[in-house]
Amino acid sequence: MPESRIRRVGFATAAAAALAFTGLAAPAQAEDLPPDVPKSWIQEPRATEGTPAPNSARAWTSPGGAASPGDFTLSPGALNAETTRRVTRLDSVLPKQGVQNLLAGANRDADPFCSRDPFGTAPDPDLKYCLEADDSVSREWVPQGFTGVSDAKDNELWGEAGGIKLIASYDGWDPGREDDPAPGGDCTAAETEANDACNQKGVRITFVQSRTNPATGSPEVKYRHVLLGWTYVNSADHVSFDGLHASEYPIQKGVHAGGIVWYGNYLYVADTRNGLRVFDMRYIMDLNPDGDASTNDAMGSDTDGVRTTADVQDKTKVGRHNNVWYSFGYRYVMPQVAAWKFKATQSNPKGSYACVSTGAPKASYISLDRSTTPDRLLMGEYCRPESGYPSTGRIASYPVADLEGRSADVTAQGWANYLPMTSGGAQGAAAYDGTLYVNQSKGTDEPGNLWRYRWSDGRLVQDGQAVPTARGAEDLYVERGAGRLWSVSEHRPNVAADCTANRDPADPVGTDYCQRVLYGHKLSWLDGRP
């Protein structure tokens, strides 16, 4: 699903309002609010709804035509050095856990033989996983981005572990928000303490691994959720953390996590209006190292020398409160270590899915292409053309290794194009061996489309017909060794009457095609389609 339209929320303090402006909202139930964050942290959209950005029409060429790579230039985040200091302090207080150990203790099961069907009349995938029931129907957590160990490592192994996939989900539902139809407006302090759904938790990463059960020899798929965090130092000079707030209020500043890329130690998360957030697999904090949630484990001390503990049962708090650490009930937290911000001004119209044709793009989705030299990170836009805004969405790529330095600007190199789809709606794109695969969503009333394109004389041209795919198809990930193109469908069941429309005549009346699954198509099958 694209970034939500403008939302409004009430804030109690000027500090909280300033943080909401930057997309880093104030911590729920924090012992001390963080200080104001400079506006330079995040670009403000300059155009207002219905006002075309200056010179936008002059850059537009045509569907599939060339775009400007320079508009994609990224600058190191202004607070990167300070972020490093905060994460170093947090690391001195909280213990860490590695990816392999995290997965060895994965606490949830995915079903590789499930019957959930978001495809309807579209072809069934080669492989399909269903998460546990609460994740599959969650109104709160909406899956978006997709990456895996095939992106992370050339040999597709993390240490000795293979078959690892990562899904990013954003928190898309808070019953106390003013834009929510539930009565009562914002949650009161008492409601926030009693109802964990009142808290804006931001983004979480789901680590998934397909493997052989060592005890039974049977195949299994296990997974575990990890909360993403943002560190700050509060007025008591304690290092703390909050979630990455994904809501788009008040001016569409949230982290939608529409695309993710795992490359080496780093996890890159698409930040729609700003660029990229960066996380480090070497800094996954473990708030329950003994695995027993019923007791609060001892943590370390910050610069004040006061020993702390951690509580992973209370789902209503996050960060440090009265010398106790909370994480909305999650055992693992991965703090942001850096950011990349678009150098150009972003002038997209507010309250619209339309896109301008010049200036900074939207980082709607990202992926990795390991079939090129050097390896490249692709970034593209979700756009819906409308009067005065003809852009179908731009896409370009960066040498991904250049993003590790964080000392100088990084510019998209080589090609940059407008997508050929005249109606827009790209939810994810991935390139492999010269083919660009693009997922296009068509709402809940019919299957999406998976398009194939190739570059010819600087243009993207269609290669075969669109392949019908899942309703709510999202980001794309290439698993090279298996020769499989993965995605995830976002819609939970019973969200719209349209989900039961256009059903196969053989299906029972009322068949609900809004279903969440992780699914993979064989590349050889896709490339053989007419």
Protein backbone atom coordinates (compact mmCIF):
# COMPACT_ATOMS: atom_id res chain seq x y z
CA MET A 1 0.00 0.00 0.00
CA PRO A 2 1.35 3.49 -0.76
CA GLU A 3 2.09 6.02 1.92
CA SER A 4 -1.09 7.15 3.60
CA ARG A 5 -2.44 10.59 2.98
CA ILE A 6 -2.08 13.48 5.40
CA ARG A 7 -3.02 12.69 8.98
CA ARG A 8 -3.28 14.88 12.05
CA VAL A 9 -2.57 14.09 15.66
CA GLY A 10 -2.54 16.10 18.85
CA PHE A 11 0.76 16.68 20.65
CA ALA A 12 1.17 17.77 24.21
CA THR A 13 4.44 19.65 23.95
CA ALA A 14 6.37 21.80 21.53
CA ALA A 15 9.19 19.27 21.61
CA ALA A 16 6.84 16.52 20.55
CA ALA A 17 5.49 18.69 17.76
CA ALA A 18 8.97 19.45 16.50
CA LEU A 19 9.81 15.75 16.45
CA ALA A 20 6.59 14.92 14.64
CA PHE A 21 7.59 17.52 12.03
CA THR A 22 10.79 15.60 11.46
CA GLY A 23 9.14 12.19 11.43
CA LEU A 24 10.70 11.23 14.78
CA ALA A 25 7.77 11.47 17.16
CA ALA A 26 8.21 11.85 20.90
CA PRO A 27 8.43 8.64 22.96
CA ALA A 28 5.25 7.23 24.43
CA GLN A 29 5.35 7.43 28.22
CA ALA A 30 8.97 8.60 28.25
CA GLU A 31 10.56 9.73 31.52
CA ASP A 32 11.94 12.75 29.69
CA LEU A 33 11.08 14.01 26.23
CA PRO A 34 13.96 14.23 23.76
CA PRO A 35 15.21 17.66 22.74
CA ASP A 36 14.06 19.36 19.58
CA VAL A 37 15.58 17.94 16.42
CA PRO A 38 16.93 20.38 13.79
CA LYS A 39 14.70 20.87 10.79
CA SER A 40 17.72 20.07 8.63
CA TRP A 41 17.20 16.41 9.58
CA ILE A 42 14.35 16.15 7.10
CA GLN A 43 13.30 18.05 4.00
CA GLU A 44 9.89 19.71 4.03
CA PRO A 45 7.73 19.33 0.90
CA ARG A 46 7.56 22.78 -0.66
CA ALA A 47 4.60 22.47 -3.00
CA THR A 48 1.02 22.69 -1.80
CA GLU A 49 -1.82 20.56 -3.03
CA GLY A 50 -2.95 21.60 -6.48
CA THR A 51 0.17 23.71 -7.14
CA PRO A 52 2.55 22.17 -9.70
CA ALA A 53 6.20 22.30 -8.75
CA PRO A 54 8.27 24.78 -10.76
CA ASN A 55 9.54 23.42 -14.10
CA SER A 56 8.13 19.94 -13.40
CA ALA A 57 6.80 19.59 -16.95
CA ARG A 58 10.17 20.35 -18.56
CA ALA A 59 11.82 17.25 -17.08
CA TRP A 60 9.06 14.85 -18.07
CA THR A 61 9.91 12.86 -21.19
CA SER A 62 7.55 9.89 -21.64
CA PRO A 63 6.65 6.53 -20.07
CA GLY A 64 9.89 4.53 -20.13
CA GLY A 65 11.90 7.60 -21.11
CA ALA A 66 15.05 8.97 -19.51
CA ALA A 67 14.98 10.81 -16.17
CA SER A 68 17.71 12.73 -14.35
CA PRO A 69 20.03 10.59 -12.18
CA GLY A 70 21.22 13.72 -10.39
CA ASP A 71 17.82 14.19 -8.74
CA PHE A 72 18.51 10.99 -6.76
CA THR A 73 21.70 12.33 -5.12
CA LEU A 74 21.93 11.41 -1.42
CA SER A 75 23.83 13.31 1.27
CA PRO A 76 25.00 11.85 4.59
CA GLY A 77 22.55 12.59 7.40
CA ALA A 78 23.38 15.71 9.40
CA LEU A 79 23.10 13.77 12.67
CA ASN A 80 25.15 10.72 11.67
CA ALA A 81 28.04 11.49 14.02
CA GLU A 82 25.68 12.14 16.93
CA THR A 83 23.73 8.97 16.08
CA THR A 84 26.97 6.98 16.26
CA ARG A 85 27.68 8.37 19.73
CA ARG A 86 24.20 7.48 20.93
CA VAL A 87 24.36 3.94 19.57
CA THR A 88 27.77 3.47 21.19
CA ARG A 89 26.29 4.52 24.53
CA LEU A 90 23.32 2.21 24.05
CA ASP A 91 25.70 -0.63 23.20
CA SER A 92 27.46 -0.13 26.54
CA VAL A 93 24.16 -0.62 28.38
CA LEU A 94 22.25 -3.30 26.47
CA PRO A 95 23.51 -6.77 25.44
CA LYS A 96 23.48 -7.81 21.77
CA GLN A 97 22.50 -10.88 19.79
CA GLY A 98 23.62 -12.09 16.37
CA VAL A 99 21.36 -13.02 13.46
CA GLN A 100 22.13 -16.75 13.61
CA ASN A 101 21.39 -16.98 17.34
CA LEU A 102 18.27 -14.86 16.94
CA LEU A 103 16.96 -17.30 14.32
CA ALA A 104 18.04 -20.35 16.30
CA GLY A 105 15.63 -19.15 18.98
CA ALA A 106 12.90 -18.04 16.56
CA ASN A 107 9.59 -18.24 18.40
CA ARG A 108 7.03 -18.32 15.57
CA ASP A 109 6.13 -20.75 12.77
CA ALA A 110 5.27 -20.06 9.15
CA ASP A 111 3.28 -22.60 7.16
CA PRO A 112 4.74 -23.53 3.74
CA PHE A 113 1.62 -25.58 2.91
CA CYS A 114 -1.09 -23.05 3.76
CA SER A 115 -4.28 -22.49 1.79
CA ARG A 116 -4.59 -18.70 2.00
CA ASP A 117 -5.10 -17.31 -1.49
CA PRO A 118 -4.61 -13.67 -2.54
CA PHE A 119 -4.24 -14.73 -6.19
CA GLY A 120 -7.73 -15.79 -7.28
CA THR A 121 -7.61 -16.17 -11.05
CA ALA A 122 -3.92 -15.18 -11.16
CA PRO A 123 -1.36 -18.00 -11.49
CA ASP A 124 -0.34 -19.66 -8.23
CA PRO A 125 3.25 -19.04 -7.09
CA ASP A 126 5.95 -21.69 -6.99
CA LEU A 127 6.23 -21.35 -3.19
CA LYS A 128 4.08 -19.70 -0.52
CA TYR A 129 4.47 -19.14 3.23
CA CYS A 130 1.74 -18.06 5.63
CA LEU A 131 2.65 -16.40 8.92
CA GLU A 132 0.80 -17.21 12.14
CA ALA A 133 -2.84 -16.19 12.37
CA ASP A 134 -2.34 -13.01 14.43
CA ASP A 135 0.26 -11.68 11.98
CA SER A 136 -1.88 -12.63 8.97
CA VAL A 137 -4.91 -10.69 10.19
CA SER A 138 -3.18 -7.86 12.10
CA ARG A 139 -4.70 -4.46 11.51
CA GLU A 140 -1.68 -2.91 13.16
CA TRP A 141 1.28 -4.37 11.25
CA VAL A 142 1.18 -4.02 7.45
CA PRO A 143 3.94 -5.85 5.48
CA GLN A 144 5.84 -3.90 2.80
CA GLY A 145 9.59 -4.35 2.21
CA PHE A 146 11.38 -7.62 1.32
CA THR A 147 15.06 -8.61 1.28
CA GLY A 148 17.18 -11.58 2.30
CA VAL A 149 20.54 -13.21 2.61
CA SER A 150 20.87 -13.48 -1.18
CA ASP A 151 21.16 -9.67 -1.11
CA ALA A 152 23.38 -9.68 1.97
CA LYS A 153 26.06 -12.12 0.85
CA ASP A 154 27.40 -13.26 -2.50
CA ASN A 155 27.38 -16.90 -1.25
CA GLU A 156 23.85 -16.46 0.18
CA LEU A 157 24.97 -17.58 3.65
CA TRP A 158 25.09 -15.59 6.88
CA GLY A 159 27.81 -17.49 8.67
CA GLU A 160 26.48 -21.01 8.20
CA ALA A 161 22.83 -20.00 7.90
CA GLY A 162 20.99 -19.83 4.59
CA GLY A 163 17.40 -19.43 3.51
CA ILE A 164 17.00 -16.16 5.46
CA LYS A 165 14.41 -13.60 4.36
CA LEU A 166 13.47 -10.27 5.95
CA ILE A 167 10.08 -8.54 5.81
CA ALA A 168 9.47 -4.94 6.92
CA SER A 169 6.07 -3.91 8.31
CA TYR A 170 4.85 -0.53 9.48
CA ASP A 171 2.40 0.20 12.29
CA GLY A 172 -0.64 1.41 10.38
CA TRP A 173 -3.30 1.51 13.05
CA ASP A 174 -3.68 3.46 16.28
CA PRO A 175 -7.24 3.68 17.63
CA GLY A 176 -6.53 6.91 19.50
CA ARG A 177 -5.49 8.86 16.43
CA GLU A 178 -7.71 11.73 15.35
CA ASP A 179 -8.05 10.32 11.83
CA ASP A 180 -9.28 6.96 13.13
CA PRO A 181 -13.07 6.49 12.93
CA ALA A 182 -13.23 5.16 16.49
CA PRO A 183 -14.80 7.70 18.86
CA GLY A 184 -12.78 9.58 21.42
CA GLY A 185 -9.98 11.18 19.40
CA ASP A 186 -6.47 10.79 20.80
CA CYS A 187 -5.81 8.17 23.44
CA THR A 188 -5.66 9.57 26.94
CA ALA A 189 -2.65 8.80 29.12
CA ALA A 190 -4.67 6.14 30.93
CA GLU A 191 -5.80 4.56 27.65
CA THR A 192 -2.27 4.55 26.33
CA GLU A 193 -1.07 2.67 29.39
CA ALA A 194 -3.92 0.16 29.14
CA ASN A 195 -3.99 -0.40 25.38
CA ASP A 196 -0.74 -1.07 23.56
CA ALA A 197 -2.42 -0.37 20.20
CA CYS A 198 -2.61 3.31 21.20
CA ASN A 199 1.16 3.51 20.79
CA GLN A 200 2.74 4.26 17.43
CA LYS A 201 5.38 1.54 17.28
CA GLY A 202 6.87 2.46 13.92
CA VAL A 203 8.53 -0.34 11.95
CA ARG A 204 9.48 -3.91 12.67
CA ILE A 205 11.58 -6.41 10.74
CA THR A 206 10.53 -10.05 10.56
CA PHE A 207 13.47 -12.46 10.24
CA VAL A 208 12.29 -15.62 8.44
CA GLN A 209 14.31 -18.80 7.83
CA SER A 210 13.45 -21.92 5.86
CA ARG A 211 15.54 -24.83 7.16
CA THR A 212 15.60 -28.47 8.20
CA ASN A 213 14.51 -29.30 11.73
CA PRO A 214 17.61 -30.88 13.33
CA ALA A 215 15.50 -33.18 15.50
CA THR A 216 13.02 -34.49 12.93
CA GLY A 217 14.81 -33.92 9.63
CA SER A 218 11.65 -32.28 8.29
CA PRO A 219 11.54 -28.89 6.57
CA GLU A 220 10.29 -25.97 8.65
CA VAL A 221 9.96 -22.19 8.41
CA LYS A 222 10.59 -20.21 11.60
CA TYR A 223 10.51 -16.47 12.20
CA ARG A 224 10.94 -13.72 14.78
CA HIS A 225 10.05 -10.01 14.92
CA VAL A 226 12.60 -7.26 15.69
CA LEU A 227 11.58 -3.67 16.49
CA LEU A 228 13.47 -0.87 14.75
CA GLY A 229 14.47 2.02 16.98
CA TRP A 230 15.79 5.57 16.98
CA THR A 231 18.14 6.64 19.77
CA TYR A 232 18.10 9.94 21.61
CA VAL A 233 19.50 11.45 24.83
CA ASN A 234 16.81 12.81 27.13
CA SER A 235 16.93 15.79 29.47
CA ALA A 236 18.22 13.56 32.29
CA ASP A 237 21.22 12.75 30.05
CA HIS A 238 20.13 9.13 29.70
CA VAL A 239 20.49 7.42 26.35
CA SER A 240 17.16 5.97 25.31
CA PHE A 241 15.28 4.87 22.20
CA ASP A 242 11.88 5.14 20.58
CA GLY A 243 10.26 3.39 17.62
CA LEU A 244 10.59 4.63 14.05
CA HIS A 245 7.22 6.26 13.70
CA ALA A 246 5.55 5.20 10.49
CA SER A 247 2.43 7.35 10.53
CA GLU A 248 2.40 10.07 7.90
CA TYR A 249 1.01 12.90 10.03
CA PRO A 250 1.18 15.82 10.15
CA ILE A 251 2.82 16.32 6.76
CA GLN A 252 3.61 12.84 5.48
CA LYS A 253 6.95 12.47 7.26
CA GLY A 254 6.82 8.87 8.47
CA VAL A 255 8.87 5.79 7.67
CA HIS A 256 6.67 3.58 5.51
CA ALA A 257 9.40 0.94 4.96
CA GLY A 258 8.14 0.27 1.44
CA GLY A 259 11.48 -1.31 0.55
CA ILE A 260 14.49 -2.76 2.37
CA VAL A 261 17.92 -4.01 1.30
CA TRP A 262 20.28 -6.12 3.42
CA TYR A 263 23.85 -5.74 2.16
CA GLY A 264 26.76 -6.97 4.27
CA ASN A 265 26.26 -5.79 7.83
CA TYR A 266 23.82 -3.06 6.87
CA LEU A 267 20.07 -2.94 6.46
CA TYR A 268 18.82 -0.04 4.35
CA VAL A 269 15.20 1.03 4.88
CA ALA A 270 13.38 3.27 2.42
CA ASP A 271 12.27 6.55 4.04
CA THR A 272 9.76 7.89 1.52
CA ARG A 273 10.17 11.63 1.85
CA ASN A 274 13.79 11.69 2.93
CA GLY A 275 16.00 8.92 1.53
CA LEU A 276 17.33 5.97 3.50
CA ARG A 277 17.61 4.91 7.15
CA VAL A 278 20.55 2.62 7.95
CA PHE A 279 20.70 -0.20 10.53
CA ASP A 280 23.50 -2.59 11.47
CA MET A 281 23.18 -6.35 12.00
CA ARG A 282 25.97 -6.08 14.59
CA TYR A 283 23.68 -3.96 16.80
CA ILE A 284 20.60 -6.06 17.54
CA MET A 285 19.91 -5.37 21.21
CA ASP A 286 18.59 -8.23 23.34
CA LEU A 287 16.35 -7.15 26.24
CA ASN A 288 15.69 -10.70 27.44
CA PRO A 289 18.95 -12.66 27.13
CA ASP A 290 17.88 -15.51 29.42
CA GLY A 291 14.73 -16.10 27.35
CA ASP A 292 12.46 -15.95 30.40
CA ALA A 293 10.06 -13.04 29.92
CA SER A 294 8.54 -13.48 33.39
CA THR A 295 11.59 -11.96 35.07
CA ASN A 296 13.32 -8.66 34.30
CA ASP A 297 16.89 -9.28 33.15
CA ALA A 298 19.74 -7.11 34.38
CA MET A 299 21.10 -4.60 31.88
CA GLY A 300 24.16 -2.36 32.12
CA SER A 301 24.54 1.25 33.25
CA ASP A 302 24.83 4.49 31.30
CA THR A 303 27.20 7.32 32.20
CA ASP A 304 25.36 7.83 35.50
CA GLY A 305 26.52 4.41 36.73
CA VAL A 306 22.97 3.34 37.66
CA ARG A 307 22.24 -0.31 36.89
CA THR A 308 19.11 -0.95 34.86
CA THR A 309 16.78 -3.86 34.07
CA ALA A 310 14.53 -4.71 31.10
CA ASP A 311 10.83 -5.56 30.96
CA VAL A 312 9.59 -7.32 27.78
CA GLN A 313 6.09 -8.04 29.08
CA ASP A 314 4.77 -4.47 29.14
CA LYS A 315 3.69 -3.67 25.56
CA THR A 316 2.73 -0.05 26.27
CA LYS A 317 6.18 1.50 26.85
CA VAL A 318 9.41 1.95 24.93
CA GLY A 319 12.85 3.19 25.97
CA ARG A 320 14.19 3.84 29.46
CA HIS A 321 11.75 4.68 32.27
CA ASN A 322 12.83 4.89 35.88
CA ASN A 323 15.88 2.70 35.16
CA VAL A 324 13.83 0.02 33.39
CA TRP A 325 14.04 -0.61 29.65
CA TYR A 326 10.91 -1.31 27.59
CA SER A 327 10.43 -2.22 23.93
CA PHE A 328 6.68 -2.52 23.31
CA GLY A 329 7.03 -6.16 24.37
CA TYR A 330 9.67 -7.10 21.78
CA ARG A 331 12.77 -8.96 22.89
CA TYR A 332 14.98 -7.50 20.17
CA VAL A 333 15.53 -3.88 19.11
CA MET A 334 17.73 -2.69 16.25
CA PRO A 335 18.67 1.01 16.52
CA GLN A 336 19.24 3.25 13.51
CA VAL A 337 22.97 3.92 12.99
CA ALA A 338 22.87 6.47 10.14
CA ALA A 339 20.73 8.14 7.48
CA TRP A 340 20.99 9.32 3.89
CA LYS A 341 18.93 12.37 2.88
CA PHE A 342 18.01 13.57 -0.58
CA LYS A 343 20.13 16.55 -1.51
CA ALA A 344 17.50 18.12 -3.74
CA THR A 345 14.28 19.63 -2.47
CA GLN A 346 11.25 17.37 -2.68
CA SER A 347 8.25 19.20 -4.12
CA ASN A 348 5.58 16.53 -4.41
CA PRO A 349 2.03 17.78 -3.83
CA LYS A 350 0.61 17.20 -0.39
CA GLY A 351 -2.35 14.90 0.04
CA SER A 352 -1.83 13.22 -3.32
CA TYR A 353 -0.14 10.20 -4.88
CA ALA A 354 0.99 12.33 -7.82
CA CYS A 355 4.72 12.97 -8.31
CA VAL A 356 6.72 15.81 -9.74
CA SER A 357 9.30 15.14 -12.44
CA THR A 358 12.21 17.16 -11.04
CA GLY A 359 13.85 17.44 -7.66
CA ALA A 360 14.15 14.71 -5.09
CA PRO A 361 12.16 11.54 -5.80
CA LYS A 362 10.15 9.52 -3.31
CA ALA A 363 11.97 6.50 -1.87
CA SER A 364 8.91 4.30 -2.17
CA TYR A 365 10.81 1.02 -2.61
CA ILE A 366 14.37 -0.26 -2.95
CA SER A 367 16.03 -3.52 -4.01
CA LEU A 368 19.46 -4.93 -4.88
CA ASP A 369 20.86 -6.07 -8.23
CA ARG A 370 23.80 -8.46 -7.77
CA SER A 371 23.86 -9.42 -11.46
CA THR A 372 25.75 -6.21 -12.34
CA THR A 373 29.25 -4.97 -11.56
CA PRO A 374 29.31 -3.27 -9.16
CA ASP A 375 26.30 -4.38 -7.10
CA ARG A 376 23.61 -1.72 -7.30
CA LEU A 377 20.83 -0.51 -5.02
CA LEU A 378 17.69 0.38 -7.00
CA MET A 379 15.28 3.06 -5.78
CA GLY A 380 11.92 3.91 -7.28
CA GLU A 381 8.70 5.87 -6.80
CA TYR A 382 5.06 4.99 -6.27
CA CYS A 383 3.12 7.55 -8.30
CA ARG A 384 -0.38 7.96 -9.68
CA PRO A 385 -0.36 10.43 -12.61
CA GLU A 386 -2.97 13.18 -12.57
CA SER A 387 -3.56 16.50 -14.29
CA GLY A 388 -0.41 18.61 -14.14
CA TYR A 389 1.63 15.68 -12.84
CA PRO A 390 2.29 13.21 -15.68
CA SER A 391 5.13 11.30 -13.99
CA THR A 392 4.64 7.54 -13.89
CA GLY A 393 7.37 7.28 -11.27
CA ARG A 394 11.16 7.47 -11.60
CA ILE A 395 13.64 4.69 -10.92
CA ALA A 396 17.45 4.82 -10.70
CA SER A 397 20.31 2.98 -9.02
CA TYR A 398 23.44 3.56 -6.91
CA PRO A 399 26.65 1.53 -6.46
CA VAL A 400 25.62 0.12 -3.08
CA ALA A 401 29.18 0.00 -1.72
CA ASP A 402 29.31 3.81 -1.98
CA LEU A 403 26.66 4.02 0.73
CA GLU A 404 28.97 2.50 3.35
CA GLY A 405 31.33 5.50 3.54
CA ARG A 406 28.86 8.20 4.69
CA SER A 407 31.44 10.95 4.16
CA ALA A 408 30.37 12.34 0.79
CA ASP A 409 27.35 12.63 -1.46
CA VAL A 410 26.35 9.54 -3.45
CA THR A 411 24.83 10.05 -6.88
CA ALA A 412 22.77 7.60 -8.91
CA GLN A 413 24.95 6.43 -11.78
CA GLY A 414 24.26 5.10 -15.24
CA TRP A 415 20.59 5.00 -16.06
CA ALA A 416 17.51 6.72 -14.65
CA ASN A 417 14.09 6.26 -16.21
CA TYR A 418 10.40 6.87 -15.87
CA LEU A 419 8.47 3.64 -15.49
CA PRO A 420 6.53 2.61 -18.61
CA MET A 421 3.23 1.93 -16.78
CA THR A 422 0.95 4.80 -17.82
CA SER A 423 -1.29 4.39 -14.75
CA GLY A 424 1.60 4.23 -12.28
CA GLY A 425 1.13 2.32 -9.04
CA ALA A 426 4.53 0.59 -8.76
CA GLN A 427 4.89 -1.05 -5.32
CA GLY A 428 8.28 -2.69 -5.85
CA ALA A 429 10.93 -3.32 -8.49
CA ALA A 430 13.94 -5.61 -8.79
CA ALA A 431 16.45 -6.13 -11.60
CA TYR A 432 18.28 -9.32 -12.55
CA ASP A 433 20.26 -10.23 -15.67
CA GLY A 434 19.01 -7.20 -17.57
CA THR A 435 15.29 -7.58 -16.78
CA LEU A 436 13.46 -5.13 -14.53
CA TYR A 437 10.53 -6.73 -12.70
CA VAL A 438 7.88 -4.32 -11.37
CA ASN A 439 4.94 -5.09 -9.08
CA GLN A 440 1.89 -2.93 -9.77
CA SER A 441 -1.01 -2.87 -7.33
CA LYS A 442 -4.61 -2.51 -8.46
CA GLY A 443 -6.35 -2.20 -5.10
CA THR A 444 -8.43 -4.93 -3.49
CA ASP A 445 -10.82 -5.52 -6.38
CA GLU A 446 -8.54 -7.45 -8.74
CA PRO A 447 -5.10 -9.10 -8.90
CA GLY A 448 -2.03 -6.94 -9.31
CA ASN A 449 0.33 -7.03 -12.28
CA LEU A 450 3.96 -8.15 -12.46
CA TRP A 451 5.58 -6.36 -15.40
CA ARG A 452 8.84 -7.18 -17.16
CA TYR A 453 10.95 -4.53 -18.85
CA ARG A 454 14.33 -4.26 -20.58
CA TRP A 455 16.55 -1.31 -21.41
CA SER A 456 16.84 -0.38 -25.09
CA ASP A 457 18.58 2.78 -26.32
CA GLY A 458 18.23 4.40 -22.90
CA ARG A 459 14.53 3.56 -22.57
CA LEU A 460 12.63 0.97 -20.58
CA VAL A 461 10.54 -1.13 -22.94
CA GLN A 462 7.95 -3.77 -22.17
CA ASP A 463 9.08 -7.39 -22.44
CA GLY A 464 6.01 -9.61 -22.72
CA GLN A 465 2.58 -9.21 -21.22
CA ALA A 466 1.84 -8.39 -17.59
CA VAL A 467 1.68 -11.46 -15.35
CA PRO A 468 -1.33 -11.33 -12.97
CA THR A 469 -0.21 -11.63 -9.36
CA ALA A 470 -1.47 -11.21 -5.80
CA ARG A 471 -3.85 -8.55 -4.61
CA GLY A 472 -1.78 -6.11 -2.59
CA ALA A 473 1.54 -7.21 -4.11
CA GLU A 474 4.43 -5.28 -2.55
CA ASP A 475 8.25 -5.11 -2.66
CA LEU A 476 10.36 -7.59 -4.71
CA TYR A 477 13.42 -9.66 -3.78
CA VAL A 478 15.56 -11.93 -6.00
CA GLU A 479 16.80 -15.16 -4.39
CA ARG A 480 19.57 -15.91 -6.86
CA GLY A 481 20.53 -19.49 -6.00
CA ALA A 482 16.94 -20.70 -6.00
CA GLY A 483 16.13 -18.64 -9.10
CA ARG A 484 13.06 -17.23 -7.42
CA LEU A 485 11.43 -13.77 -7.30
CA TRP A 486 9.78 -13.13 -3.93
CA SER A 487 7.14 -10.69 -2.75
CA VAL A 488 4.53 -10.29 0.00
CA SER A 489 0.84 -9.41 -0.18
CA GLU A 490 -0.25 -6.75 2.28
CA HIS A 491 -4.03 -6.99 2.61
CA ARG A 492 -5.49 -8.64 5.66
CA PRO A 493 -8.80 -10.53 5.37
CA ASN A 494 -12.17 -8.80 5.53
CA VAL A 495 -10.90 -5.32 4.69
CA ALA A 496 -13.17 -4.66 1.71
CA ALA A 497 -16.11 -6.14 -0.11
CA ASP A 498 -13.97 -5.89 -3.26
CA CYS A 499 -11.83 -8.74 -1.93
CA THR A 500 -14.67 -11.14 -2.68
CA ALA A 501 -15.29 -9.73 -6.16
CA ASN A 502 -14.00 -11.11 -9.46
CA ARG A 503 -13.64 -14.52 -7.91
CA ASP A 504 -13.08 -17.72 -9.86
CA PRO A 505 -16.51 -19.26 -10.62
CA ALA A 506 -15.29 -22.48 -9.02
CA ASP A 507 -14.69 -20.73 -5.69
CA PRO A 508 -17.41 -20.63 -3.04
CA VAL A 509 -19.42 -17.43 -2.85
CA GLY A 510 -17.75 -15.01 -0.46
CA THR A 511 -14.18 -16.24 -1.07
CA ASP A 512 -11.93 -13.56 0.44
CA TYR A 513 -8.90 -12.73 -1.71
CA CYS A 514 -7.49 -10.31 0.82
CA GLN A 515 -4.88 -12.60 2.35
CA ARG A 516 -1.29 -12.09 3.51
CA VAL A 517 1.35 -14.48 2.23
CA LEU A 518 5.05 -14.49 1.37
CA TYR A 519 5.33 -15.95 -2.11
CA GLY A 520 7.91 -16.71 -4.77
CA HIS A 521 7.72 -17.27 -8.53
CA LYS A 522 10.42 -19.13 -10.43
CA LEU A 523 12.34 -16.68 -12.63
CA SER A 524 12.52 -19.29 -15.37
CA TRP A 525 8.72 -19.54 -15.36
CA LEU A 526 8.28 -15.76 -15.42
CA ASP A 527 10.80 -15.27 -18.21
CA GLY A 528 9.09 -17.97 -20.28
CA ARG A 529 5.72 -16.25 -20.15
CA PRO A 530 4.46 -14.58 -23.33
